[in-house]
Amino acid sequence: MKIIVPMAGMGKRMRPHTLTVPKPLVPIAGKPIVQRLVEDIAKVCGEPVDEVAFIIGRFGAAVEKQLAGIAESVGAKCTIVYQDEPLGTAHAILCAKESLTGPLVVAFADTLFKADFTLDSSVPGTIWVQQVDDPRPFGVVKLNEQGQITDFVEKPQEFVSDLAIIGIYYFQDGEYLRRELQYLLDNNIKDKGEFQLTNALENMKNQGTVFVPGKVTEWLDCGNKDATVFTNQRYLEYLKERGETLVAASAVITNSVLIEPVYVGEHAIITNSVVGPHVSLGDHANVRDSRLSNSIVQTSASLLNTVITNSMVGNFATVAGTPDDLSLGDYNQLRV
């Protein structure tokens, strides 16, 4: 089994946090979004993952080394390929064409999910979906009476289905997928100016491929700051339910209260503060005389005499005073 992870986007809706790293490397409960995604997919695959192919921009050696570690964490080799032009989802996946062999999962790296099933690898294709209240911003699928997918509809303005495609797909035959993606590019078949995966899926369905929906317990978006903070909240609850240890033994907590669930990284320092619920503190973070809730604070950040909620604070950033709701990038300082 292979996992193909397109993640070359610029992450503009997550700035300033994506000025120094790609969005999928922003942490959720102490681990990068893409690491949690890969680990969760590996758990539902039901068979060993032998390769993880990351489709990225030119992010540099440090990012590529981190991605290699993520692949190794699930016992797989790491393949790095580049998408230098944003030409659409089909083009992005095809950038990893050498890896499109055998059974594989394609997972776009701005989403997380909770699921309690094992992937059925005997079916030709599975498309993960989630029921949503307003399907208009999403691609959706229609089903027949047998529970098979009959139609793919991109951002329907009139109701056709409330089953939104969450960006995770299983293909039993990777070579077949590669041929269909190549066909789109060879024939310049675009939708809204880009080469779209849904066009390849439609062609495969019309040739007799049976796609079935894979339904998840919860779909968690990481598209912007507020969505990512909410995902951190839900994921902390999920980890608490699983009984995972969330506070590092090396953390130093003095005269302070933690309101669970809270993630506290290695060698973090918390003094005279109340932290939680739903806070993630990165390694070496320093919190003093402060009150934090519902926030993500990254590695080596310092929070001094502050009250924050619904916030993201970047690596090596400093906050002093009471700005409340903020989004502060790496190495920035904010003193109120």
C-alpha atoms as a PDB file:
ATOM      1  CA  MET A   1       0.000   0.000   0.000  1.00  0.00           C
ATOM      2  CA  LYS A   2       1.180   3.508  -0.847  1.00  0.00           C
ATOM      3  CA  ILE A   3       0.030   6.889   0.443  1.00  0.00           C
ATOM      4  CA  ILE A   4       0.218   9.841  -1.961  1.00  0.00           C
ATOM      5  CA  VAL A   5       0.107  13.240  -0.245  1.00  0.00           C
ATOM      6  CA  PRO A   6      -0.251  16.363  -2.424  1.00  0.00           C
ATOM      7  CA  MET A   7       0.832  19.359  -0.302  1.00  0.00           C
ATOM      8  CA  ALA A   8       2.436  21.881  -2.658  1.00  0.00           C
ATOM      9  CA  GLY A   9      -0.062  24.672  -2.002  1.00  0.00           C
ATOM     10  CA  MET A  10       1.060  28.026  -0.593  1.00  0.00           C
ATOM     11  CA  GLY A  11      -1.405  27.958   2.318  1.00  0.00           C
ATOM     12  CA  LYS A  12      -2.296  31.623   1.902  1.00  0.00           C
ATOM     13  CA  ARG A  13      -5.321  31.405   4.214  1.00  0.00           C
ATOM     14  CA  MET A  14      -3.007  30.243   7.008  1.00  0.00           C
ATOM     15  CA  ARG A  15      -0.529  33.106   6.825  1.00  0.00           C
ATOM     16  CA  PRO A  16       1.591  34.187   8.684  1.00  0.00           C
ATOM     17  CA  HIS A  17       2.077  30.579   9.862  1.00  0.00           C
ATOM     18  CA  THR A  18       2.827  29.336   6.352  1.00  0.00           C
ATOM     19  CA  LEU A  19       5.468  31.945   5.530  1.00  0.00           C
ATOM     20  CA  THR A  20       8.190  29.667   6.931  1.00  0.00           C
ATOM     21  CA  VAL A  21       6.691  26.158   6.616  1.00  0.00           C
ATOM     22  CA  PRO A  22       4.036  24.529   4.419  1.00  0.00           C
ATOM     23  CA  LYS A  23       0.591  24.396   6.022  1.00  0.00           C
ATOM     24  CA  PRO A  24       0.628  20.598   6.569  1.00  0.00           C
ATOM     25  CA  LEU A  25       3.592  21.002   8.935  1.00  0.00           C
ATOM     26  CA  VAL A  26       1.667  23.255  11.306  1.00  0.00           C
ATOM     27  CA  PRO A  27       1.243  21.223  14.529  1.00  0.00           C
ATOM     28  CA  ILE A  28      -1.985  19.780  15.890  1.00  0.00           C
ATOM     29  CA  ALA A  29      -1.644  18.481  19.469  1.00  0.00           C
ATOM     30  CA  GLY A  30       2.126  18.371  19.134  1.00  0.00           C
ATOM     31  CA  LYS A  31       2.443  16.715  15.714  1.00  0.00           C
ATOM     32  CA  PRO A  32       2.321  18.213  12.202  1.00  0.00           C
ATOM     33  CA  ILE A  33      -1.062  17.960  10.478  1.00  0.00           C
ATOM     34  CA  VAL A  34       0.406  15.745   7.744  1.00  0.00           C
ATOM     35  CA  GLN A  35       1.978  13.373  10.288  1.00  0.00           C
ATOM     36  CA  ARG A  36      -1.364  12.878  12.030  1.00  0.00           C
ATOM     37  CA  LEU A  37      -2.995  12.345   8.607  1.00  0.00           C
ATOM     38  CA  VAL A  38      -0.454   9.741   7.496  1.00  0.00           C
ATOM     39  CA  GLU A  39      -0.607   7.906  10.825  1.00  0.00           C
ATOM     40  CA  ASP A  40      -4.412   7.843  10.800  1.00  0.00           C
ATOM     41  CA  ILE A  41      -4.524   6.505   7.223  1.00  0.00           C
ATOM     42  CA  ALA A  42      -1.968   3.837   8.093  1.00  0.00           C
ATOM     43  CA  LYS A  43      -4.230   2.694  10.948  1.00  0.00           C
ATOM     44  CA  VAL A  44      -7.271   2.172   8.706  1.00  0.00           C
ATOM     45  CA  CYS A  45      -5.385   0.612   5.760  1.00  0.00           C
ATOM     46  CA  GLY A  46      -5.325  -2.855   7.289  1.00  0.00           C
ATOM     47  CA  GLU A  47      -1.996  -3.664   5.632  1.00  0.00           C
ATOM     48  CA  PRO A  48       1.553  -2.278   5.809  1.00  0.00           C
ATOM     49  CA  VAL A  49       2.330   1.022   4.079  1.00  0.00           C
ATOM     50  CA  ASP A  50       5.536   0.645   2.082  1.00  0.00           C
ATOM     51  CA  GLU A  51       5.839   4.142   0.587  1.00  0.00           C
ATOM     52  CA  VAL A  52       4.654   7.661   1.307  1.00  0.00           C
ATOM     53  CA  ALA A  53       5.067  10.067  -1.613  1.00  0.00           C
ATOM     54  CA  PHE A  54       4.892  13.761  -0.715  1.00  0.00           C
ATOM     55  CA  ILE A  55       4.155  16.195  -3.552  1.00  0.00           C
ATOM     56  CA  ILE A  56       5.579  19.517  -2.421  1.00  0.00           C
ATOM     57  CA  GLY A  57       6.874  22.912  -3.479  1.00  0.00           C
ATOM     58  CA  ARG A  58      10.517  23.869  -3.116  1.00  0.00           C
ATOM     59  CA  PHE A  59      10.413  24.099   0.686  1.00  0.00           C
ATOM     60  CA  GLY A  60      14.045  23.178   1.356  1.00  0.00           C
ATOM     61  CA  ALA A  61      16.098  20.394   2.917  1.00  0.00           C
ATOM     62  CA  ALA A  62      14.807  20.840   6.485  1.00  0.00           C
ATOM     63  CA  VAL A  63      11.202  20.284   5.407  1.00  0.00           C
ATOM     64  CA  GLU A  64      12.146  17.271   3.301  1.00  0.00           C
ATOM     65  CA  LYS A  65      14.037  15.745   6.236  1.00  0.00           C
ATOM     66  CA  GLN A  66      10.965  16.208   8.439  1.00  0.00           C
ATOM     67  CA  LEU A  67       8.756  14.516   5.834  1.00  0.00           C
ATOM     68  CA  ALA A  68      11.193  11.608   5.605  1.00  0.00           C
ATOM     69  CA  GLY A  69      10.832  11.149   9.354  1.00  0.00           C
ATOM     70  CA  ILE A  70       7.045  11.090   9.030  1.00  0.00           C
ATOM     71  CA  ALA A  71       7.204   8.306   6.442  1.00  0.00           C
ATOM     72  CA  GLU A  72       9.632   6.365   8.629  1.00  0.00           C
ATOM     73  CA  SER A  73       7.235   6.695  11.589  1.00  0.00           C
ATOM     74  CA  VAL A  74       4.796   4.376   9.776  1.00  0.00           C
ATOM     75  CA  GLY A  75       7.539   2.040   8.524  1.00  0.00           C
ATOM     76  CA  ALA A  76       7.532   3.359   4.954  1.00  0.00           C
ATOM     77  CA  LYS A  77      10.116   4.784   2.584  1.00  0.00           C
ATOM     78  CA  CYS A  78       9.778   8.456   1.690  1.00  0.00           C
ATOM     79  CA  THR A  79       9.528   9.792  -1.856  1.00  0.00           C
ATOM     80  CA  ILE A  80       9.716  13.546  -2.502  1.00  0.00           C
ATOM     81  CA  VAL A  81       8.443  14.984  -5.789  1.00  0.00           C
ATOM     82  CA  TYR A  82       7.828  18.590  -6.767  1.00  0.00           C
ATOM     83  CA  GLN A  83       4.861  20.450  -8.205  1.00  0.00           C
ATOM     84  CA  ASP A  84       6.320  23.711  -9.480  1.00  0.00           C
ATOM     85  CA  GLU A  85       3.119  25.035 -11.049  1.00  0.00           C
ATOM     86  CA  PRO A  86      -0.361  25.055  -9.434  1.00  0.00           C
ATOM     87  CA  LEU A  87      -2.199  23.332 -12.289  1.00  0.00           C
ATOM     88  CA  GLY A  88      -4.837  21.472 -10.280  1.00  0.00           C
ATOM     89  CA  THR A  89      -5.402  18.342  -8.241  1.00  0.00           C
ATOM     90  CA  ALA A  90      -4.990  15.879 -11.128  1.00  0.00           C
ATOM     91  CA  HIS A  91      -1.700  17.474 -12.139  1.00  0.00           C
ATOM     92  CA  ALA A  92      -0.475  17.418  -8.534  1.00  0.00           C
ATOM     93  CA  ILE A  93      -1.086  13.679  -8.148  1.00  0.00           C
ATOM     94  CA  LEU A  94       0.466  12.916 -11.529  1.00  0.00           C
ATOM     95  CA  CYS A  95       3.682  14.616 -10.400  1.00  0.00           C
ATOM     96  CA  ALA A  96       4.169  11.400  -8.378  1.00  0.00           C
ATOM     97  CA  LYS A  97       3.495   9.175 -11.399  1.00  0.00           C
ATOM     98  CA  GLU A  98       6.416   6.839 -10.631  1.00  0.00           C
ATOM     99  CA  SER A  99       4.676   6.018  -7.334  1.00  0.00           C
ATOM    100  CA  LEU A 100       1.225   5.457  -8.870  1.00  0.00           C
ATOM    101  CA  THR A 101       1.385   1.664  -8.884  1.00  0.00           C
ATOM    102  CA  GLY A 102      -0.615  -0.978  -7.072  1.00  0.00           C
ATOM    103  CA  PRO A 103      -3.137  -0.108  -4.344  1.00  0.00           C
ATOM    104  CA  LEU A 104      -2.804   3.386  -2.935  1.00  0.00           C
ATOM    105  CA  VAL A 105      -4.495   6.131  -0.945  1.00  0.00           C
ATOM    106  CA  VAL A 106      -4.435   9.744  -2.117  1.00  0.00           C
ATOM    107  CA  ALA A 107      -4.835  12.175   0.778  1.00  0.00           C
ATOM    108  CA  PHE A 108      -4.749  15.952   0.480  1.00  0.00           C
ATOM    109  CA  ALA A 109      -2.885  17.309   3.475  1.00  0.00           C
ATOM    110  CA  ASP A 110      -5.244  19.971   4.814  1.00  0.00           C
ATOM    111  CA  THR A 111      -7.732  17.644   6.458  1.00  0.00           C
ATOM    112  CA  LEU A 112      -7.868  15.219   9.373  1.00  0.00           C
ATOM    113  CA  PHE A 113     -10.490  12.634  10.187  1.00  0.00           C
ATOM    114  CA  LYS A 114     -11.729  10.237  12.837  1.00  0.00           C
ATOM    115  CA  ALA A 115     -12.802   6.791  11.713  1.00  0.00           C
ATOM    116  CA  ASP A 116     -13.575   3.422  13.239  1.00  0.00           C
ATOM    117  CA  PHE A 117     -13.307   1.122  10.217  1.00  0.00           C
ATOM    118  CA  THR A 118     -10.689  -0.798   8.243  1.00  0.00           C
ATOM    119  CA  LEU A 119     -10.355  -0.029   4.545  1.00  0.00           C
ATOM    120  CA  ASP A 120     -11.885  -2.668   2.259  1.00  0.00           C
ATOM    121  CA  SER A 121      -9.108  -3.118  -0.302  1.00  0.00           C
ATOM    122  CA  SER A 122     -11.206  -5.560  -2.355  1.00  0.00           C
ATOM    123  CA  VAL A 123     -13.280  -2.751  -3.923  1.00  0.00           C
ATOM    124  CA  PRO A 124     -11.953  -0.857  -6.986  1.00  0.00           C
ATOM    125  CA  GLY A 125     -12.194   2.549  -5.318  1.00  0.00           C
ATOM    126  CA  THR A 126     -13.328   4.300  -2.147  1.00  0.00           C
ATOM    127  CA  ILE A 127     -13.952   8.011  -1.762  1.00  0.00           C
ATOM    128  CA  TRP A 128     -14.187   9.307   1.786  1.00  0.00           C
ATOM    129  CA  VAL A 129     -17.186  11.561   2.366  1.00  0.00           C
ATOM    130  CA  GLN A 130     -18.899  13.307   5.254  1.00  0.00           C
ATOM    131  CA  GLN A 131     -22.444  14.593   5.558  1.00  0.00           C
ATOM    132  CA  VAL A 132     -22.476  18.408   5.754  1.00  0.00           C
ATOM    133  CA  ASP A 133     -25.156  20.988   6.449  1.00  0.00           C
ATOM    134  CA  ASP A 134     -24.239  23.209   3.484  1.00  0.00           C
ATOM    135  CA  PRO A 135     -22.756  21.273   0.537  1.00  0.00           C
ATOM    136  CA  ARG A 136     -22.364  24.315  -1.743  1.00  0.00           C
ATOM    137  CA  PRO A 137     -18.640  24.943  -1.004  1.00  0.00           C
ATOM    138  CA  PHE A 138     -17.669  21.303  -1.623  1.00  0.00           C
ATOM    139  CA  GLY A 139     -17.488  18.610  -4.219  1.00  0.00           C
ATOM    140  CA  VAL A 140     -20.204  16.069  -3.445  1.00  0.00           C
ATOM    141  CA  VAL A 141     -21.219  12.571  -4.551  1.00  0.00           C
ATOM    142  CA  LYS A 142     -24.588  11.044  -5.392  1.00  0.00           C
ATOM    143  CA  LEU A 143     -25.361   7.411  -4.577  1.00  0.00           C
ATOM    144  CA  ASN A 144     -27.643   4.789  -6.075  1.00  0.00           C
ATOM    145  CA  GLU A 145     -29.768   2.318  -4.126  1.00  0.00           C
ATOM    146  CA  GLN A 146     -26.808  -0.067  -3.881  1.00  0.00           C
ATOM    147  CA  GLY A 147     -24.732   2.596  -2.126  1.00  0.00           C
ATOM    148  CA  GLN A 148     -22.437   3.076  -5.123  1.00  0.00           C
ATOM    149  CA  ILE A 149     -21.330   6.502  -6.350  1.00  0.00           C
ATOM    150  CA  THR A 150     -23.152   7.567  -9.512  1.00  0.00           C
ATOM    151  CA  ASP A 151     -22.166  11.230  -9.866  1.00  0.00           C
ATOM    152  CA  PHE A 152     -19.511  13.718  -8.839  1.00  0.00           C
ATOM    153  CA  VAL A 153     -20.787  17.300  -8.572  1.00  0.00           C
ATOM    154  CA  GLU A 154     -18.433  20.192  -7.883  1.00  0.00           C
ATOM    155  CA  LYS A 155     -19.826  22.923  -5.575  1.00  0.00           C
ATOM    156  CA  PRO A 156     -23.548  22.448  -6.356  1.00  0.00           C
ATOM    157  CA  GLN A 157     -25.548  25.636  -5.927  1.00  0.00           C
ATOM    158  CA  GLU A 158     -28.795  23.645  -5.902  1.00  0.00           C
ATOM    159  CA  PHE A 159     -29.132  20.618  -3.641  1.00  0.00           C
ATOM    160  CA  VAL A 160     -28.100  17.311  -5.202  1.00  0.00           C
ATOM    161  CA  SER A 161     -26.380  15.643  -2.227  1.00  0.00           C
ATOM    162  CA  ASP A 162     -25.030  16.483   1.218  1.00  0.00           C
ATOM    163  CA  LEU A 163     -22.154  13.961   1.071  1.00  0.00           C
ATOM    164  CA  ALA A 164     -19.024  16.109   0.718  1.00  0.00           C
ATOM    165  CA  ILE A 165     -15.748  14.684  -0.586  1.00  0.00           C
ATOM    166  CA  ILE A 166     -13.180  15.229   2.171  1.00  0.00           C
ATOM    167  CA  GLY A 167     -10.050  14.773   0.038  1.00  0.00           C
ATOM    168  CA  ILE A 168      -9.065  11.161   0.789  1.00  0.00           C
ATOM    169  CA  TYR A 169      -9.360   8.449  -1.899  1.00  0.00           C
ATOM    170  CA  TYR A 170      -8.475   4.755  -2.235  1.00  0.00           C
ATOM    171  CA  PHE A 171      -7.583   3.238  -5.619  1.00  0.00           C
ATOM    172  CA  GLN A 172      -7.052  -0.479  -6.048  1.00  0.00           C
ATOM    173  CA  ASP A 173      -5.135   0.052  -9.297  1.00  0.00           C
ATOM    174  CA  GLY A 174      -2.651   2.926  -9.218  1.00  0.00           C
ATOM    175  CA  GLU A 175      -1.567   2.385 -12.828  1.00  0.00           C
ATOM    176  CA  TYR A 176      -5.159   2.857 -13.998  1.00  0.00           C
ATOM    177  CA  LEU A 177      -5.393   6.117 -12.073  1.00  0.00           C
ATOM    178  CA  ARG A 178      -2.121   7.282 -13.629  1.00  0.00           C
ATOM    179  CA  ARG A 179      -3.391   6.599 -17.155  1.00  0.00           C
ATOM    180  CA  GLU A 180      -6.600   8.529 -16.536  1.00  0.00           C
ATOM    181  CA  LEU A 181      -4.731  11.507 -15.079  1.00  0.00           C
ATOM    182  CA  GLN A 182      -2.323  11.489 -18.014  1.00  0.00           C
ATOM    183  CA  TYR A 183      -5.284  11.445 -20.414  1.00  0.00           C
ATOM    184  CA  LEU A 184      -6.543  14.731 -18.948  1.00  0.00           C
ATOM    185  CA  LEU A 185      -3.194  16.423 -19.423  1.00  0.00           C
ATOM    186  CA  ASP A 186      -2.584  14.986 -22.892  1.00  0.00           C
ATOM    187  CA  ASN A 187      -5.984  16.226 -24.057  1.00  0.00           C
ATOM    188  CA  ASN A 188      -5.909  19.515 -22.104  1.00  0.00           C
ATOM    189  CA  ILE A 189      -9.149  18.648 -20.297  1.00  0.00           C
ATOM    190  CA  LYS A 190      -9.633  21.293 -17.621  1.00  0.00           C
ATOM    191  CA  ASP A 191     -12.355  22.426 -15.251  1.00  0.00           C
ATOM    192  CA  LYS A 192     -12.246  26.028 -14.030  1.00  0.00           C
ATOM    193  CA  GLY A 193      -8.840  26.386 -15.656  1.00  0.00           C
ATOM    194  CA  GLU A 194      -7.195  23.427 -13.879  1.00  0.00           C
ATOM    195  CA  PHE A 195      -6.746  19.682 -14.279  1.00  0.00           C
ATOM    196  CA  GLN A 196      -9.155  18.180 -11.741  1.00  0.00           C
ATOM    197  CA  LEU A 197      -9.125  14.762 -10.126  1.00  0.00           C
ATOM    198  CA  THR A 198     -12.920  14.649 -10.270  1.00  0.00           C
ATOM    199  CA  ASN A 199     -12.751  14.591 -14.093  1.00  0.00           C
ATOM    200  CA  ALA A 200     -10.572  11.485 -13.939  1.00  0.00           C
ATOM    201  CA  LEU A 201     -12.952   9.898 -11.421  1.00  0.00           C
ATOM    202  CA  GLU A 202     -15.891  10.604 -13.722  1.00  0.00           C
ATOM    203  CA  ASN A 203     -14.077   8.995 -16.664  1.00  0.00           C
ATOM    204  CA  MET A 204     -13.186   5.941 -14.582  1.00  0.00           C
ATOM    205  CA  LYS A 205     -16.790   5.594 -13.402  1.00  0.00           C
ATOM    206  CA  ASN A 206     -18.063   5.849 -16.990  1.00  0.00           C
ATOM    207  CA  GLN A 207     -15.716   3.000 -17.940  1.00  0.00           C
ATOM    208  CA  GLY A 208     -17.280   0.769 -15.287  1.00  0.00           C
ATOM    209  CA  THR A 209     -15.184   1.423 -12.186  1.00  0.00           C
ATOM    210  CA  VAL A 210     -17.334   1.065  -9.077  1.00  0.00           C
ATOM    211  CA  PHE A 211     -16.633   3.670  -6.405  1.00  0.00           C
ATOM    212  CA  VAL A 212     -18.158   3.391  -2.954  1.00  0.00           C
ATOM    213  CA  PRO A 213     -18.256   5.993  -0.192  1.00  0.00           C
ATOM    214  CA  GLY A 214     -16.081   5.677   2.873  1.00  0.00           C
ATOM    215  CA  LYS A 215     -17.776   7.497   5.735  1.00  0.00           C
ATOM    216  CA  VAL A 216     -15.799   8.967   8.611  1.00  0.00           C
ATOM    217  CA  THR A 217     -16.901   9.669  12.157  1.00  0.00           C
ATOM    218  CA  GLU A 218     -15.662  13.253  12.008  1.00  0.00           C
ATOM    219  CA  TRP A 219     -14.012  15.439   9.382  1.00  0.00           C
ATOM    220  CA  LEU A 220     -11.648  18.128  10.636  1.00  0.00           C
ATOM    221  CA  ASP A 221     -10.552  20.967   8.377  1.00  0.00           C
ATOM    222  CA  CYS A 222      -7.244  22.847   8.664  1.00  0.00           C
ATOM    223  CA  GLY A 223      -7.883  25.445   5.978  1.00  0.00           C
ATOM    224  CA  ASN A 224      -7.460  28.610   8.048  1.00  0.00           C
ATOM    225  CA  LYS A 225      -6.495  29.743  11.542  1.00  0.00           C
ATOM    226  CA  ASP A 226      -9.913  29.396  13.183  1.00  0.00           C
ATOM    227  CA  ALA A 227     -10.542  25.988  11.591  1.00  0.00           C
ATOM    228  CA  THR A 228      -7.100  24.767  12.673  1.00  0.00           C
ATOM    229  CA  VAL A 229      -7.626  25.918  16.271  1.00  0.00           C
ATOM    230  CA  PHE A 230     -10.984  24.094  16.299  1.00  0.00           C
ATOM    231  CA  THR A 231      -9.358  20.969  14.865  1.00  0.00           C
ATOM    232  CA  ASN A 232      -6.740  21.131  17.610  1.00  0.00           C
ATOM    233  CA  GLN A 233      -9.590  21.262  20.135  1.00  0.00           C
ATOM    234  CA  ARG A 234     -11.360  18.240  18.689  1.00  0.00           C
ATOM    235  CA  TYR A 235      -8.157  16.249  18.267  1.00  0.00           C
ATOM    236  CA  LEU A 236      -7.138  16.841  21.879  1.00  0.00           C
ATOM    237  CA  GLU A 237     -10.531  15.487  22.944  1.00  0.00           C
ATOM    238  CA  TYR A 238      -9.974  12.477  20.674  1.00  0.00           C
ATOM    239  CA  LEU A 239      -6.533  11.782  22.161  1.00  0.00           C
ATOM    240  CA  LYS A 240      -7.920  12.152  25.684  1.00  0.00           C
ATOM    241  CA  GLU A 241     -10.628   9.573  24.906  1.00  0.00           C
ATOM    242  CA  ARG A 242      -7.910   7.181  23.695  1.00  0.00           C
ATOM    243  CA  GLY A 243      -6.077   7.627  26.977  1.00  0.00           C
ATOM    244  CA  GLU A 244      -2.903   9.029  25.449  1.00  0.00           C
ATOM    245  CA  THR A 245      -0.350  10.814  27.632  1.00  0.00           C
ATOM    246  CA  LEU A 246      -0.407  14.455  26.598  1.00  0.00           C
ATOM    247  CA  VAL A 247       1.987  16.098  29.075  1.00  0.00           C
ATOM    248  CA  ALA A 248       5.689  15.410  28.576  1.00  0.00           C
ATOM    249  CA  ALA A 249       7.555  14.115  31.611  1.00  0.00           C
ATOM    250  CA  SER A 250      10.273  16.727  31.017  1.00  0.00           C
ATOM    251  CA  ALA A 251       7.822  19.662  31.274  1.00  0.00           C
ATOM    252  CA  VAL A 252       8.284  21.878  34.327  1.00  0.00           C
ATOM    253  CA  ILE A 253       4.956  23.012  35.802  1.00  0.00           C
ATOM    254  CA  THR A 254       5.114  25.307  38.846  1.00  0.00           C
ATOM    255  CA  ASN A 255       2.179  26.779  40.778  1.00  0.00           C
ATOM    256  CA  SER A 256      -0.069  26.271  37.771  1.00  0.00           C
ATOM    257  CA  VAL A 257      -3.282  24.537  36.759  1.00  0.00           C
ATOM    258  CA  LEU A 258      -3.852  22.462  33.607  1.00  0.00           C
ATOM    259  CA  ILE A 259      -7.483  22.107  32.529  1.00  0.00           C
ATOM    260  CA  GLU A 260      -7.660  18.989  30.352  1.00  0.00           C
ATOM    261  CA  PRO A 261      -7.260  18.231  27.594  1.00  0.00           C
ATOM    262  CA  VAL A 262      -3.922  20.006  27.191  1.00  0.00           C
ATOM    263  CA  TYR A 263      -0.827  18.960  25.238  1.00  0.00           C
ATOM    264  CA  VAL A 264       2.486  20.066  26.766  1.00  0.00           C
ATOM    265  CA  GLY A 265       5.675  19.395  24.808  1.00  0.00           C
ATOM    266  CA  GLU A 266       9.150  18.404  25.915  1.00  0.00           C
ATOM    267  CA  HIS A 267      10.908  20.815  28.295  1.00  0.00           C
ATOM    268  CA  ALA A 268       8.047  23.317  28.233  1.00  0.00           C
ATOM    269  CA  ILE A 269       7.873  25.606  31.285  1.00  0.00           C
ATOM    270  CA  ILE A 270       4.597  26.757  32.841  1.00  0.00           C
ATOM    271  CA  THR A 271       4.755  29.101  35.845  1.00  0.00           C
ATOM    272  CA  ASN A 272       1.953  30.824  37.802  1.00  0.00           C
ATOM    273  CA  SER A 273      -0.516  30.148  34.995  1.00  0.00           C
ATOM    274  CA  VAL A 274      -3.766  28.469  34.031  1.00  0.00           C
ATOM    275  CA  VAL A 275      -3.541  26.525  30.770  1.00  0.00           C
ATOM    276  CA  GLY A 276      -6.519  24.895  29.071  1.00  0.00           C
ATOM    277  CA  PRO A 277      -8.781  23.517  28.050  1.00  0.00           C
ATOM    278  CA  HIS A 278      -7.781  22.734  24.465  1.00  0.00           C
ATOM    279  CA  VAL A 279      -4.277  24.180  24.427  1.00  0.00           C
ATOM    280  CA  SER A 280      -1.245  22.686  22.669  1.00  0.00           C
ATOM    281  CA  LEU A 281       2.176  23.910  23.863  1.00  0.00           C
ATOM    282  CA  GLY A 282       5.197  23.051  21.740  1.00  0.00           C
ATOM    283  CA  ASP A 283       8.585  21.882  22.953  1.00  0.00           C
ATOM    284  CA  HIS A 284      10.468  24.478  25.030  1.00  0.00           C
ATOM    285  CA  ALA A 285       7.483  26.843  25.178  1.00  0.00           C
ATOM    286  CA  ASN A 286       7.574  29.204  28.163  1.00  0.00           C
ATOM    287  CA  VAL A 287       4.332  30.391  29.787  1.00  0.00           C
ATOM    288  CA  ARG A 288       4.442  32.692  32.816  1.00  0.00           C
ATOM    289  CA  ASP A 289       1.727  34.608  34.703  1.00  0.00           C
ATOM    290  CA  SER A 290      -0.783  33.857  31.956  1.00  0.00           C
ATOM    291  CA  ARG A 291      -4.177  32.357  31.128  1.00  0.00           C
ATOM    292  CA  LEU A 292      -4.424  30.304  27.917  1.00  0.00           C
ATOM    293  CA  SER A 293      -7.367  28.468  26.392  1.00  0.00           C
ATOM    294  CA  ASN A 294      -8.308  27.004  22.998  1.00  0.00           C
ATOM    295  CA  SER A 295      -4.972  27.857  21.363  1.00  0.00           C
ATOM    296  CA  ILE A 296      -1.901  26.460  19.603  1.00  0.00           C
ATOM    297  CA  VAL A 297       1.464  27.686  20.890  1.00  0.00           C
ATOM    298  CA  GLN A 298       4.450  26.403  18.935  1.00  0.00           C
ATOM    299  CA  THR A 299       8.067  25.529  19.737  1.00  0.00           C
ATOM    300  CA  SER A 300      10.079  27.893  21.964  1.00  0.00           C
ATOM    301  CA  ALA A 301       7.350  30.537  22.056  1.00  0.00           C
ATOM    302  CA  SER A 302       7.143  32.770  25.163  1.00  0.00           C
ATOM    303  CA  LEU A 303       3.889  34.022  26.688  1.00  0.00           C
ATOM    304  CA  LEU A 304       4.297  36.468  29.565  1.00  0.00           C
ATOM    305  CA  ASN A 305       1.534  38.083  31.601  1.00  0.00           C
ATOM    306  CA  THR A 306      -1.049  37.485  28.900  1.00  0.00           C
ATOM    307  CA  VAL A 307      -4.569  36.161  28.374  1.00  0.00           C
ATOM    308  CA  ILE A 308      -5.254  34.525  25.018  1.00  0.00           C
ATOM    309  CA  THR A 309      -7.925  32.325  23.480  1.00  0.00           C
ATOM    310  CA  ASN A 310      -8.728  31.066  19.951  1.00  0.00           C
ATOM    311  CA  SER A 311      -5.142  31.883  18.993  1.00  0.00           C
ATOM    312  CA  MET A 312      -2.078  30.586  17.171  1.00  0.00           C
ATOM    313  CA  VAL A 313       1.399  31.657  18.252  1.00  0.00           C
ATOM    314  CA  GLY A 314       4.338  30.695  16.042  1.00  0.00           C
ATOM    315  CA  ASN A 315       7.758  29.247  16.766  1.00  0.00           C
ATOM    316  CA  PHE A 316      10.076  31.494  18.820  1.00  0.00           C
ATOM    317  CA  ALA A 317       7.388  34.189  19.011  1.00  0.00           C
ATOM    318  CA  THR A 318       6.858  36.357  22.115  1.00  0.00           C
ATOM    319  CA  VAL A 319       3.558  37.682  23.488  1.00  0.00           C
ATOM    320  CA  ALA A 320       3.356  40.018  26.470  1.00  0.00           C
ATOM    321  CA  GLY A 321       0.184  41.786  27.563  1.00  0.00           C
ATOM    322  CA  THR A 322      -3.409  40.904  26.686  1.00  0.00           C
ATOM    323  CA  PRO A 323      -4.194  40.771  22.947  1.00  0.00           C
ATOM    324  CA  ASP A 324      -6.907  38.060  23.386  1.00  0.00           C
ATOM    325  CA  ASP A 325      -7.510  36.472  19.946  1.00  0.00           C
ATOM    326  CA  LEU A 326      -4.388  36.561  17.774  1.00  0.00           C
ATOM    327  CA  SER A 327      -2.472  34.907  14.966  1.00  0.00           C
ATOM    328  CA  LEU A 328       1.245  35.552  15.375  1.00  0.00           C
ATOM    329  CA  GLY A 329       3.888  34.114  13.071  1.00  0.00           C
ATOM    330  CA  ASP A 330       7.331  32.705  13.790  1.00  0.00           C
ATOM    331  CA  TYR A 331       9.903  34.962  15.514  1.00  0.00           C
ATOM    332  CA  ASN A 332       7.419  37.826  15.884  1.00  0.00           C
ATOM    333  CA  GLN A 333       7.043  39.854  19.093  1.00  0.00           C
ATOM    334  CA  LEU A 334       3.826  41.401  20.358  1.00  0.00           C
ATOM    335  CA  ARG A 335       3.819  43.537  23.483  1.00  0.00           C
ATOM    336  CA  VAL A 336       0.567  45.236  24.496  1.00  0.00           C
END
